Every structure is written in structure tokens, then in C-alpha cells.
Amino acid sequence: MADKAKAVEVDTVVIDGVALPPQWNRMFEPRAITEYDLTALDEVTAIPGAESLGWCYQCGKCTAVCPIDTVGDYSPRKIFRRTQLGQSLLESPDLWLCTTCSNCLRVCPKEVNMIEIMPALREQVVSEGQAPEELLTAFENTARYGNPLGEPARKRADWVKGAGVPVPIMSQLKAPVDVLWFVECYPAYHPRGQEASVALARILHALSVNFGILGVEEKCSGDSQRMAGESGLFEMLAEQNVRTLSKYEFREVMVTDPHAYNAFLHEYGAYGGNWSTRHYTQLLAEHLGELHFVREVPWRVTFHDPCYLGRHNGEYEAPRALLRAIPGLELVEMGRCRENAYCCGGGGGGMWMDSFTAQFTTMRLSEKRVLEAIEYGAEVLAVTCPYEVSRFEDAVKSTGNAGRLRVMDIAELLAQSMDLVP
């Protein structure tokens, strides 16, 4: 181990005509970083995709914006330091707490990229059959049923029966459409997700959009599973979805889920899926002048930016344009919004690890966000990611705010003002 740095005094120096005697010119010899055994850090940076963890120079900017650190003790800087001091990240709970929200990468001057680091490390651990039990269950459900909820594939289009408007299924339609709507899992199976899907279907019908869905042929986009370390499962899902979509003629893909949006934009191209893709708020914002509002929605509403729509893919305006257009609605921004928006906790596999993360945090991120919405006087927390309706509604109950704050998808708010839903 190197000797500790010692103070030394040099001769008087003159700077800009000012003499600095030795006692004012005391310097320290450089400290050698070889005081640390970097075996654990080298283990991480040797894995392809995880090299940038070694670039951290401990400025701490990430800690100030990391959502997990507000409810725990976490950030890339802290992960680097623990690893530098010998803790194996591959064996640490730290590996699973990151929600891949990307706020740390937004501010990091060294571009330490947790969006690449975490999936790369998790993939190695998952390949050995090691991961939180809840996450492994979600993986198994997705592989077996095509969705992480473990619901039968044959029920994927059951929500259509309650839509009250035609929702064409491509295999039955046998005709080209302008918009192929990739519904995703939670909007197809979860009760609150189904309500938002019904609202969106009615809006599309009112706009006379020529659309269709895949129904039972659709599989989970797999993007969250990929970020949680199951790249093999993602590859299987991507290949199946691309093969299915390639059977049909359409002009563009519309997705409900920002995670699916991310997959179609950045990942599916490698499997032959090169289609123009938009999130549903982007498509509706283009038709804003055609939305016929007949009912006021006199509520104070705040909007939660989804990480994978906002920071990951730069869309902040379309959801807000839709909300501002609703008559009677007052839109109020929370302090953490747009680029610095908070995280619901569902990304990077967090959707399926609440019991695990509860062991290392004081509250769920969704609970923290609900309290922030209430602090700003909101009556409605508007969302546009299928993970968030269920996460935030649970958080409203667990924080004792049932009846004080409603959680609604933007499609539900639009449909209500258009008198398409009760």
C-alpha cells in the first residue's frame, strides 16, 4: 500500500506581483488510488456494456436526481464507491434497485450509462438463474403466456367486448389499415388498463381512424424484461412480434405503452421491424382540432411524465397539449416534471419487484409521487403509461389518500370530455 500523502512546503512564489510565503503555499503530494483493491470494479467493467461505471469521478450530480436516493441510499456514485471498496455489484441488492429512469445519465458529465450497465450486469446474473423471485415469476409468465401477468393468451382481446365500438382484429379484418394499434399487456388485461383501452378505442372511432389490433397474436413487447436482464426472452418476443406484424399492411404503428414505444423505436429494427411508430398521445395531438369536446372537466390536474416517453425519447409536449385542450381542466406542473420528472418505480423490472425493493427503501416511488401531486393541490394525477394507473392507485390507497386524488389516463380524461364514457 502506498504511503499516505504528506504536506510539503515550497519556496516563496510570486503570482501577479503577490508574494506567497511557504506557509501559504502548502501543497500535497498526489494520493495514489492503488490504495484500493479494484478487483470488484474490474469484474464489472470487464463485462461488455458495463465499462462506463469505471468512468465515475464521484462528482455526485447523479445522487441529487436519483429517485431511489430520495427513499433510500442509492445512486450511480454510491454504487461506484461501494464497488471500488470491494463490494461485488453482481451479488448486491444494488443491482436490482435501479429503475433505468435515465435521470442520472441526463446530468452525468462522464456519461456513466446505467441504461447499458444494469441490463448487461443483470443479464449475466439472470443467465445463472439468480434474480429476485418476483422478477423470475414475471419472466416465466411472459415466456409461457406472452404477458407478465400470467393471463391466458386467448383472453388478450376480451376487453374489446366492452368497447361499445368496432375494434377490428387484423386476422379477421383481412384488409390494410392506416394504424396498427399495439395494445400491450396491462392495457389488455389489467382492469384499469382495459378502461383506458376502451376510452382510446372510442376516441379513435370518433375520429374515424382506420385502425386494427393484433388481438391474441400480440405478445408483450419485452422491453422491460430486456432492461431487467432477460435479453433472450426479449429477443424471442421481438422476433415473434415482428413476424406477426409483417403479415399485415399498415401505414404506422401506434403504441399505448412508452416501454413498447422504446422497443419499436430503438430495438425492433435489429429484427426487421422498421416501422413508423408513435405513442397514442402523439397521434391524438395531431388530431387535436378534430376532438369534439362537449363536457367540461373542472378539475385541477397534474401530469406525471413517464420516463420512457420523456427522458428516454424526448416527448413532453403531446400529452400536455391534449390536457390543455380539455375545457375546464386546470393543468398544474409539479416541481419535478419534464426532463427532471420523478419515476413511478415500474421501469427496469421494478414493476414486478415491489416486495424486494421495499426491503431497501422507506416508501415506494409511486407513493412519493402521489404525495407530491397532493402537495401541489391536484385532484387528478394524469398518466399515459399503463404501469402507472395501477401503481399510483395503489399508492393513493397506501398513503391514506383514497377519495382525495384520482388517477386517470389521459385517454380517459379526453373521452370523458368528449362524452364517450361516463
Protein backbone atom coordinates (compact mmCIF):
# COMPACT_ATOMS: atom_id res chain seq x y z
CA MET A 1 0.00 0.00 0.00
CA ALA A 2 1.31 3.44 -0.90
CA ASP A 3 2.41 5.88 1.78
CA LYS A 4 -0.16 8.47 2.82
CA ALA A 5 0.23 11.87 1.18
CA LYS A 6 2.43 14.30 3.09
CA ALA A 7 2.28 18.08 3.20
CA VAL A 8 5.31 19.84 1.75
CA GLU A 9 6.31 23.49 1.69
CA VAL A 10 7.99 25.08 -1.29
CA ASP A 11 9.90 28.31 -1.65
CA THR A 12 8.14 31.64 -1.77
CA VAL A 13 6.43 32.17 -5.09
CA VAL A 14 5.16 35.37 -6.70
CA ILE A 15 1.83 35.34 -8.53
CA ASP A 16 0.63 38.52 -10.22
CA GLY A 17 3.03 40.51 -8.07
CA VAL A 18 1.80 38.93 -4.80
CA ALA A 19 4.37 37.00 -2.77
CA LEU A 20 3.11 33.76 -1.24
CA PRO A 21 5.42 32.58 1.56
CA PRO A 22 5.76 28.83 2.26
CA GLN A 23 3.02 28.67 4.93
CA TRP A 24 0.51 29.97 2.34
CA ASN A 25 1.80 27.72 -0.40
CA ARG A 26 1.45 24.35 1.25
CA MET A 27 0.78 21.58 -1.28
CA PHE A 28 0.02 17.90 -1.04
CA GLU A 29 1.67 15.12 -2.97
CA PRO A 30 -0.77 13.17 -5.17
CA ARG A 31 -2.64 10.38 -3.41
CA ALA A 32 -2.23 7.03 -5.11
CA ILE A 33 -5.54 5.32 -5.93
CA THR A 34 -3.75 1.99 -5.68
CA GLU A 35 -4.72 2.06 -2.02
CA TYR A 36 -7.87 0.23 -3.20
CA ASP A 37 -8.22 -3.34 -4.34
CA LEU A 38 -10.14 -2.77 -7.58
CA THR A 39 -10.97 -6.42 -8.22
CA ALA A 40 -14.74 -5.91 -7.74
CA LEU A 41 -14.77 -2.85 -10.00
CA ASP A 42 -12.71 -4.63 -12.66
CA GLU A 43 -15.20 -7.51 -12.54
CA VAL A 44 -17.95 -5.08 -13.55
CA THR A 45 -16.09 -3.03 -16.15
CA ALA A 46 -14.87 -6.19 -17.90
CA ILE A 47 -18.46 -7.02 -18.88
CA PRO A 48 -19.42 -5.59 -22.31
CA GLY A 49 -21.84 -2.72 -21.81
CA ALA A 50 -20.79 -2.02 -18.23
CA GLU A 51 -17.44 -0.35 -18.93
CA SER A 52 -18.65 3.16 -18.17
CA LEU A 53 -19.09 2.50 -14.44
CA GLY A 54 -15.32 2.89 -14.21
CA TRP A 55 -15.55 6.43 -15.60
CA CYS A 56 -17.24 7.83 -12.49
CA TYR A 57 -15.23 10.56 -10.77
CA GLN A 58 -17.54 10.98 -7.80
CA CYS A 59 -18.98 14.42 -8.57
CA GLY A 60 -22.31 13.37 -7.02
CA LYS A 61 -24.61 15.00 -9.58
CA CYS A 62 -26.46 11.72 -10.05
CA THR A 63 -27.26 11.43 -6.35
CA ALA A 64 -29.17 14.71 -6.45
CA VAL A 65 -31.55 13.42 -9.15
CA CYS A 66 -31.74 9.67 -8.42
CA PRO A 67 -35.34 8.83 -7.42
CA ILE A 68 -34.25 5.84 -5.35
CA ASP A 69 -31.98 8.03 -3.23
CA THR A 70 -34.98 10.10 -2.10
CA VAL A 71 -36.43 6.98 -0.47
CA GLY A 72 -33.22 5.08 0.22
CA ASP A 73 -29.44 5.19 -0.12
CA TYR A 74 -28.66 4.86 -3.79
CA SER A 75 -27.14 6.43 -6.90
CA PRO A 76 -24.51 5.52 -9.52
CA ARG A 77 -21.94 7.44 -7.49
CA LYS A 78 -22.70 5.35 -4.41
CA ILE A 79 -22.71 2.15 -6.45
CA PHE A 80 -19.30 3.04 -7.87
CA ARG A 81 -17.90 3.81 -4.42
CA ARG A 82 -19.19 0.59 -2.88
CA THR A 83 -17.79 -1.39 -5.78
CA GLN A 84 -14.49 0.48 -5.56
CA LEU A 85 -14.30 -0.53 -1.90
CA GLY A 86 -14.73 -4.20 -2.76
CA GLN A 87 -18.48 -4.95 -2.77
CA SER A 88 -19.49 -7.22 -5.64
CA LEU A 89 -22.24 -5.45 -7.58
CA LEU A 90 -23.21 -8.76 -9.18
CA GLU A 91 -24.11 -10.08 -5.73
CA SER A 92 -25.56 -6.87 -4.27
CA PRO A 93 -29.20 -5.74 -3.96
CA ASP A 94 -27.98 -2.55 -5.66
CA LEU A 95 -28.10 -4.46 -8.94
CA TRP A 96 -31.91 -4.65 -8.84
CA LEU A 97 -32.94 -1.30 -7.38
CA CYS A 98 -32.23 0.83 -10.46
CA THR A 99 -35.42 1.63 -12.41
CA THR A 100 -33.42 2.71 -15.51
CA CYS A 101 -35.18 6.09 -15.35
CA SER A 102 -32.16 7.74 -17.05
CA ASN A 103 -32.12 10.87 -14.88
CA CYS A 104 -28.56 10.12 -13.77
CA LEU A 105 -27.34 9.86 -17.35
CA ARG A 106 -29.02 13.19 -18.11
CA VAL A 107 -26.73 15.02 -15.67
CA CYS A 108 -23.58 12.86 -15.66
CA PRO A 109 -20.57 14.75 -17.09
CA LYS A 110 -18.73 11.45 -17.62
CA GLU A 111 -21.68 9.68 -19.28
CA VAL A 112 -21.75 6.78 -16.85
CA ASN A 113 -24.61 4.94 -18.54
CA MET A 114 -26.77 2.91 -16.17
CA ILE A 115 -29.14 2.21 -19.09
CA GLU A 116 -26.39 0.00 -20.52
CA ILE A 117 -24.66 -1.04 -17.30
CA MET A 118 -27.66 -2.51 -15.48
CA PRO A 119 -29.04 -4.71 -18.29
CA ALA A 120 -25.54 -6.02 -19.03
CA LEU A 121 -24.87 -6.99 -15.42
CA ARG A 122 -28.37 -8.31 -14.81
CA GLU A 123 -28.15 -10.46 -17.91
CA GLN A 124 -25.11 -12.24 -16.51
CA VAL A 125 -26.84 -12.91 -13.18
CA VAL A 126 -30.16 -13.93 -14.77
CA SER A 127 -28.34 -16.37 -17.05
CA GLU A 128 -27.23 -18.14 -13.88
CA GLY A 129 -30.83 -18.34 -12.64
CA GLN A 130 -30.32 -15.70 -9.97
CA ALA A 131 -32.72 -12.75 -9.55
CA PRO A 132 -35.45 -11.63 -7.12
CA GLU A 133 -38.21 -14.25 -7.07
CA GLU A 134 -40.91 -11.80 -8.20
CA LEU A 135 -38.87 -10.94 -11.28
CA LEU A 136 -38.27 -14.57 -12.18
CA THR A 137 -42.03 -15.17 -11.95
CA ALA A 138 -42.69 -12.30 -14.37
CA PHE A 139 -40.11 -13.77 -16.75
CA GLU A 140 -41.71 -17.22 -16.56
CA ASN A 141 -45.20 -15.81 -17.12
CA THR A 142 -44.02 -13.84 -20.13
CA ALA A 143 -42.30 -16.84 -21.67
CA ARG A 144 -45.30 -19.11 -21.09
CA TYR A 145 -48.26 -16.81 -21.72
CA GLY A 146 -46.81 -13.89 -23.67
CA ASN A 147 -47.51 -11.45 -20.82
CA PRO A 148 -46.00 -10.89 -17.34
CA LEU A 149 -49.38 -11.11 -15.61
CA GLY A 150 -49.74 -14.81 -16.38
CA GLU A 151 -53.07 -14.33 -18.17
CA PRO A 152 -54.15 -16.72 -20.94
CA ALA A 153 -53.27 -15.51 -24.43
CA ARG A 154 -56.81 -16.31 -25.61
CA LYS A 155 -58.15 -13.52 -23.35
CA ARG A 156 -55.92 -10.81 -24.74
CA ALA A 157 -58.69 -9.23 -26.80
CA ASP A 158 -61.56 -9.82 -24.34
CA TRP A 159 -61.60 -6.13 -23.43
CA VAL A 160 -62.90 -5.41 -26.95
CA LYS A 161 -66.29 -6.85 -25.98
CA GLY A 162 -66.92 -3.89 -23.70
CA ALA A 163 -65.63 -1.21 -26.05
CA GLY A 164 -69.04 -0.38 -27.48
CA VAL A 165 -67.44 0.50 -30.83
CA PRO A 166 -65.84 -1.66 -33.54
CA VAL A 167 -62.27 -2.67 -32.70
CA PRO A 168 -61.08 -4.58 -35.78
CA ILE A 169 -58.72 -7.52 -35.27
CA MET A 170 -56.25 -7.83 -38.12
CA SER A 171 -56.55 -11.59 -38.62
CA GLN A 172 -60.32 -11.19 -39.06
CA LEU A 173 -60.28 -7.89 -40.95
CA LYS A 174 -58.06 -9.15 -43.77
CA ALA A 175 -57.57 -5.63 -45.11
CA PRO A 176 -54.95 -2.89 -44.83
CA VAL A 177 -55.28 -0.25 -42.10
CA ASP A 178 -53.70 3.12 -41.55
CA VAL A 179 -52.84 2.48 -37.90
CA LEU A 180 -51.90 -0.82 -36.31
CA TRP A 181 -52.52 -0.34 -32.59
CA PHE A 182 -50.05 -2.33 -30.46
CA VAL A 183 -52.11 -2.50 -27.27
CA GLU A 184 -49.61 -4.21 -24.89
CA CYS A 185 -50.23 -6.34 -21.80
CA TYR A 186 -51.53 -4.13 -19.00
CA PRO A 187 -53.97 -2.26 -21.28
CA ALA A 188 -55.27 -5.64 -22.47
CA TYR A 189 -55.51 -7.47 -19.13
CA HIS A 190 -55.48 -5.15 -16.12
CA PRO A 191 -58.99 -3.84 -15.27
CA ARG A 192 -57.88 -0.20 -15.15
CA GLY A 193 -55.79 -0.66 -18.25
CA GLN A 194 -58.81 -2.04 -20.04
CA GLU A 195 -60.84 1.05 -19.12
CA ALA A 196 -58.19 3.25 -20.70
CA SER A 197 -58.14 1.00 -23.77
CA VAL A 198 -61.92 1.31 -24.14
CA ALA A 199 -61.64 5.09 -23.87
CA LEU A 200 -58.92 5.20 -26.51
CA ALA A 201 -60.85 2.89 -28.85
CA ARG A 202 -63.88 5.17 -28.63
CA ILE A 203 -61.75 8.23 -29.37
CA LEU A 204 -60.20 6.55 -32.42
CA HIS A 205 -63.68 5.57 -33.62
CA ALA A 206 -64.95 9.13 -33.13
CA LEU A 207 -62.01 10.39 -35.20
CA SER A 208 -62.77 7.81 -37.93
CA VAL A 209 -59.22 6.47 -37.67
CA ASN A 210 -58.76 3.34 -39.78
CA PHE A 211 -57.11 1.08 -37.21
CA GLY A 212 -56.77 -2.53 -36.15
CA ILE A 213 -55.22 -4.56 -33.34
CA LEU A 214 -53.43 -7.91 -33.28
CA GLY A 215 -55.55 -9.44 -30.53
CA VAL A 216 -54.44 -12.92 -29.47
CA GLU A 217 -51.49 -12.77 -31.89
CA GLU A 218 -49.84 -9.97 -29.90
CA LYS A 219 -47.06 -10.72 -27.41
CA CYS A 220 -45.50 -8.46 -24.79
CA SER A 221 -43.02 -6.05 -26.38
CA GLY A 222 -40.48 -7.29 -23.81
CA ASP A 223 -38.61 -4.02 -23.31
CA SER A 224 -38.86 -4.02 -19.50
CA GLN A 225 -37.78 -7.65 -19.42
CA ARG A 226 -34.75 -6.69 -21.52
CA MET A 227 -33.81 -3.91 -19.11
CA ALA A 228 -34.23 -6.36 -16.23
CA GLY A 229 -31.66 -8.70 -17.78
CA GLU A 230 -33.67 -11.20 -19.83
CA SER A 231 -32.25 -10.44 -23.27
CA GLY A 232 -33.00 -13.92 -24.57
CA LEU A 233 -36.68 -13.57 -23.71
CA PHE A 234 -36.75 -10.14 -25.31
CA GLU A 235 -35.22 -11.49 -28.49
CA MET A 236 -37.84 -14.24 -28.67
CA LEU A 237 -40.70 -11.75 -28.17
CA ALA A 238 -39.27 -9.27 -30.65
CA GLU A 239 -38.91 -11.93 -33.33
CA GLN A 240 -42.46 -13.17 -32.76
CA ASN A 241 -43.98 -9.68 -32.82
CA VAL A 242 -42.04 -8.62 -35.90
CA ARG A 243 -43.06 -11.80 -37.69
CA THR A 244 -46.71 -11.23 -36.78
CA LEU A 245 -46.81 -7.55 -37.76
CA SER A 246 -45.05 -8.32 -41.03
CA LYS A 247 -48.07 -10.35 -42.15
CA TYR A 248 -50.24 -7.24 -42.31
CA GLU A 249 -50.39 -3.99 -44.26
CA PHE A 250 -50.46 -0.72 -42.31
CA ARG A 251 -49.04 2.76 -42.51
CA GLU A 252 -47.78 3.17 -38.93
CA VAL A 253 -47.74 1.56 -35.50
CA MET A 254 -49.44 3.27 -32.55
CA VAL A 255 -48.47 2.08 -29.08
CA THR A 256 -50.15 2.62 -25.72
CA ASP A 257 -47.07 1.86 -23.64
CA PRO A 258 -43.93 4.07 -23.60
CA HIS A 259 -41.86 0.93 -22.97
CA ALA A 260 -43.22 -0.60 -26.18
CA TYR A 261 -42.58 2.74 -27.87
CA ASN A 262 -38.94 2.50 -26.83
CA ALA A 263 -38.68 -1.07 -28.12
CA PHE A 264 -40.19 -0.27 -31.52
CA LEU A 265 -38.09 2.86 -31.95
CA HIS A 266 -34.71 1.52 -30.87
CA GLU A 267 -34.68 -2.27 -30.65
CA TYR A 268 -37.10 -3.89 -33.10
CA GLY A 269 -35.23 -2.58 -36.13
CA ALA A 270 -32.49 -5.12 -35.47
CA TYR A 271 -35.10 -7.85 -36.01
CA GLY A 272 -36.58 -6.38 -39.17
CA GLY A 273 -39.25 -4.24 -37.52
CA ASN A 274 -38.63 -0.87 -39.17
CA TRP A 275 -41.98 0.87 -38.94
CA SER A 276 -43.03 4.42 -38.28
CA THR A 277 -44.12 4.33 -34.63
CA ARG A 278 -45.95 6.83 -32.45
CA HIS A 279 -47.24 6.92 -28.91
CA TYR A 280 -51.00 7.36 -28.78
CA THR A 281 -50.69 10.88 -27.34
CA GLN A 282 -48.64 11.92 -30.37
CA LEU A 283 -51.26 10.60 -32.77
CA LEU A 284 -54.14 12.24 -30.89
CA ALA A 285 -52.26 15.53 -30.61
CA GLU A 286 -52.05 15.57 -34.41
CA HIS A 287 -55.86 15.31 -34.50
CA LEU A 288 -56.41 17.85 -31.74
CA GLY A 289 -58.58 20.09 -33.89
CA GLU A 290 -60.89 17.16 -34.63
CA LEU A 291 -61.57 16.24 -30.99
CA HIS A 292 -65.08 17.46 -30.20
CA PHE A 293 -65.30 18.34 -26.52
CA VAL A 294 -68.84 18.69 -25.18
CA ARG A 295 -68.34 18.47 -21.43
CA GLU A 296 -66.17 20.48 -19.05
CA VAL A 297 -63.76 18.62 -16.79
CA PRO A 298 -63.43 21.14 -13.93
CA TRP A 299 -60.51 19.52 -12.15
CA ARG A 300 -57.06 20.60 -11.09
CA VAL A 301 -54.84 18.10 -12.90
CA THR A 302 -51.12 17.39 -12.74
CA PHE A 303 -49.24 15.20 -15.19
CA HIS A 304 -46.61 12.56 -14.47
CA ASP A 305 -44.07 12.31 -17.30
CA PRO A 306 -43.29 8.63 -18.00
CA CYS A 307 -39.53 8.06 -18.02
CA TYR A 308 -39.63 6.12 -21.27
CA LEU A 309 -41.75 8.68 -23.11
CA GLY A 310 -39.95 11.75 -21.73
CA ARG A 311 -36.29 11.34 -20.81
CA HIS A 312 -35.69 8.27 -22.96
CA ASN A 313 -37.46 9.52 -26.07
CA GLY A 314 -37.93 13.27 -25.68
CA GLU A 315 -41.73 13.58 -25.85
CA TYR A 316 -43.04 16.13 -23.35
CA GLU A 317 -45.43 18.29 -25.36
CA ALA A 318 -48.05 15.94 -26.85
CA PRO A 319 -49.57 14.86 -23.51
CA ARG A 320 -49.67 18.45 -22.27
CA ALA A 321 -51.25 19.71 -25.49
CA LEU A 322 -54.07 17.22 -25.03
CA LEU A 323 -54.61 18.15 -21.39
CA ARG A 324 -54.62 21.89 -22.09
CA ALA A 325 -57.27 21.38 -24.78
CA ILE A 326 -59.80 19.86 -22.35
CA PRO A 327 -62.32 22.54 -21.35
CA GLY A 328 -62.45 23.39 -17.66
CA LEU A 329 -59.26 21.50 -16.84
CA GLU A 330 -56.54 23.34 -14.91
CA LEU A 331 -53.09 21.92 -15.55
CA VAL A 332 -50.55 22.43 -12.77
CA GLU A 333 -46.95 21.25 -13.02
CA MET A 334 -45.20 19.51 -10.16
CA GLY A 335 -41.70 20.67 -9.25
CA ARG A 336 -40.19 17.54 -10.71
CA CYS A 337 -41.51 17.45 -14.26
CA ARG A 338 -40.36 17.16 -17.86
CA GLU A 339 -36.60 16.37 -18.01
CA ASN A 340 -36.34 16.14 -14.23
CA ALA A 341 -39.58 14.24 -13.71
CA TYR A 342 -39.78 11.70 -10.92
CA CYS A 343 -40.16 7.96 -11.56
CA CYS A 344 -43.12 5.70 -10.76
CA GLY A 345 -40.75 2.85 -9.91
CA GLY A 346 -42.01 0.47 -12.60
CA GLY A 347 -39.17 0.64 -15.12
CA GLY A 348 -36.24 -1.74 -15.41
CA GLY A 349 -38.29 -4.59 -13.97
CA GLY A 350 -39.34 -2.56 -10.94
CA MET A 351 -42.96 -3.22 -11.87
CA TRP A 352 -42.52 -6.75 -10.58
CA MET A 353 -40.16 -6.17 -7.63
CA ASP A 354 -42.12 -4.09 -5.11
CA SER A 355 -41.68 -6.61 -2.31
CA PHE A 356 -37.95 -6.81 -2.99
CA THR A 357 -37.37 -3.05 -3.19
CA ALA A 358 -39.46 -2.48 -0.04
CA GLN A 359 -36.62 -4.06 1.94
CA PHE A 360 -34.25 -1.27 0.93
CA THR A 361 -36.47 1.83 0.72
CA THR A 362 -38.62 3.81 3.13
CA MET A 363 -41.53 4.00 0.70
CA ARG A 364 -42.36 3.14 -2.89
CA LEU A 365 -41.53 5.71 -5.55
CA SER A 366 -45.19 5.73 -6.55
CA GLU A 367 -46.15 6.72 -3.01
CA LYS A 368 -43.61 9.55 -3.02
CA ARG A 369 -45.02 10.81 -6.31
CA VAL A 370 -48.63 10.67 -5.08
CA LEU A 371 -47.71 12.76 -2.06
CA GLU A 372 -46.04 15.27 -4.37
CA ALA A 373 -49.18 15.51 -6.52
CA ILE A 374 -51.27 16.18 -3.41
CA GLU A 375 -48.76 18.77 -2.22
CA TYR A 376 -49.43 20.70 -5.45
CA GLY A 377 -53.16 20.61 -4.85
CA ALA A 378 -54.02 18.21 -7.66
CA GLU A 379 -57.37 16.48 -7.76
CA VAL A 380 -56.31 14.20 -10.61
CA LEU A 381 -52.93 12.66 -11.38
CA ALA A 382 -52.92 12.20 -15.15
CA VAL A 383 -50.79 9.43 -16.63
CA THR A 384 -50.04 7.99 -20.03
CA CYS A 385 -48.16 4.77 -19.24
CA PRO A 386 -50.03 1.53 -18.43
CA TYR A 387 -47.77 0.79 -15.46
CA GLU A 388 -48.75 3.99 -13.72
CA VAL A 389 -52.52 3.68 -13.30
CA SER A 390 -52.26 0.60 -11.10
CA ARG A 391 -49.08 1.75 -9.33
CA PHE A 392 -50.42 5.18 -8.45
CA GLU A 393 -53.89 3.96 -7.50
CA ASP A 394 -52.30 1.51 -5.06
CA ALA A 395 -50.14 4.35 -3.75
CA VAL A 396 -53.18 6.59 -3.24
CA LYS A 397 -54.68 3.90 -1.00
CA SER A 398 -51.48 3.02 0.86
CA THR A 399 -50.78 6.68 1.68
CA GLY A 400 -54.31 7.15 3.05
CA ASN A 401 -55.46 9.48 0.28
CA ALA A 402 -58.33 7.48 -1.18
CA GLY A 403 -61.03 9.92 -2.23
CA ARG A 404 -58.60 12.82 -2.31
CA LEU A 405 -56.73 12.08 -5.53
CA ARG A 406 -57.89 10.27 -8.67
CA VAL A 407 -55.52 8.60 -11.13
CA MET A 408 -56.65 8.76 -14.76
CA ASP A 409 -55.13 8.00 -18.11
CA ILE A 410 -55.17 10.97 -20.50
CA ALA A 411 -57.34 8.89 -22.84
CA GLU A 412 -59.95 8.63 -20.06
CA LEU A 413 -59.93 12.38 -19.48
CA LEU A 414 -60.31 13.08 -23.19
CA ALA A 415 -63.10 10.54 -23.59
CA GLN A 416 -64.94 11.98 -20.61
CA SER A 417 -64.84 15.49 -22.05
CA MET A 418 -65.96 14.12 -25.42
CA ASP A 419 -68.87 12.39 -23.67
CA LEU A 420 -67.70 8.98 -24.83
CA VAL A 421 -67.52 7.42 -21.34
CA PRO A 422 -69.45 8.04 -18.12
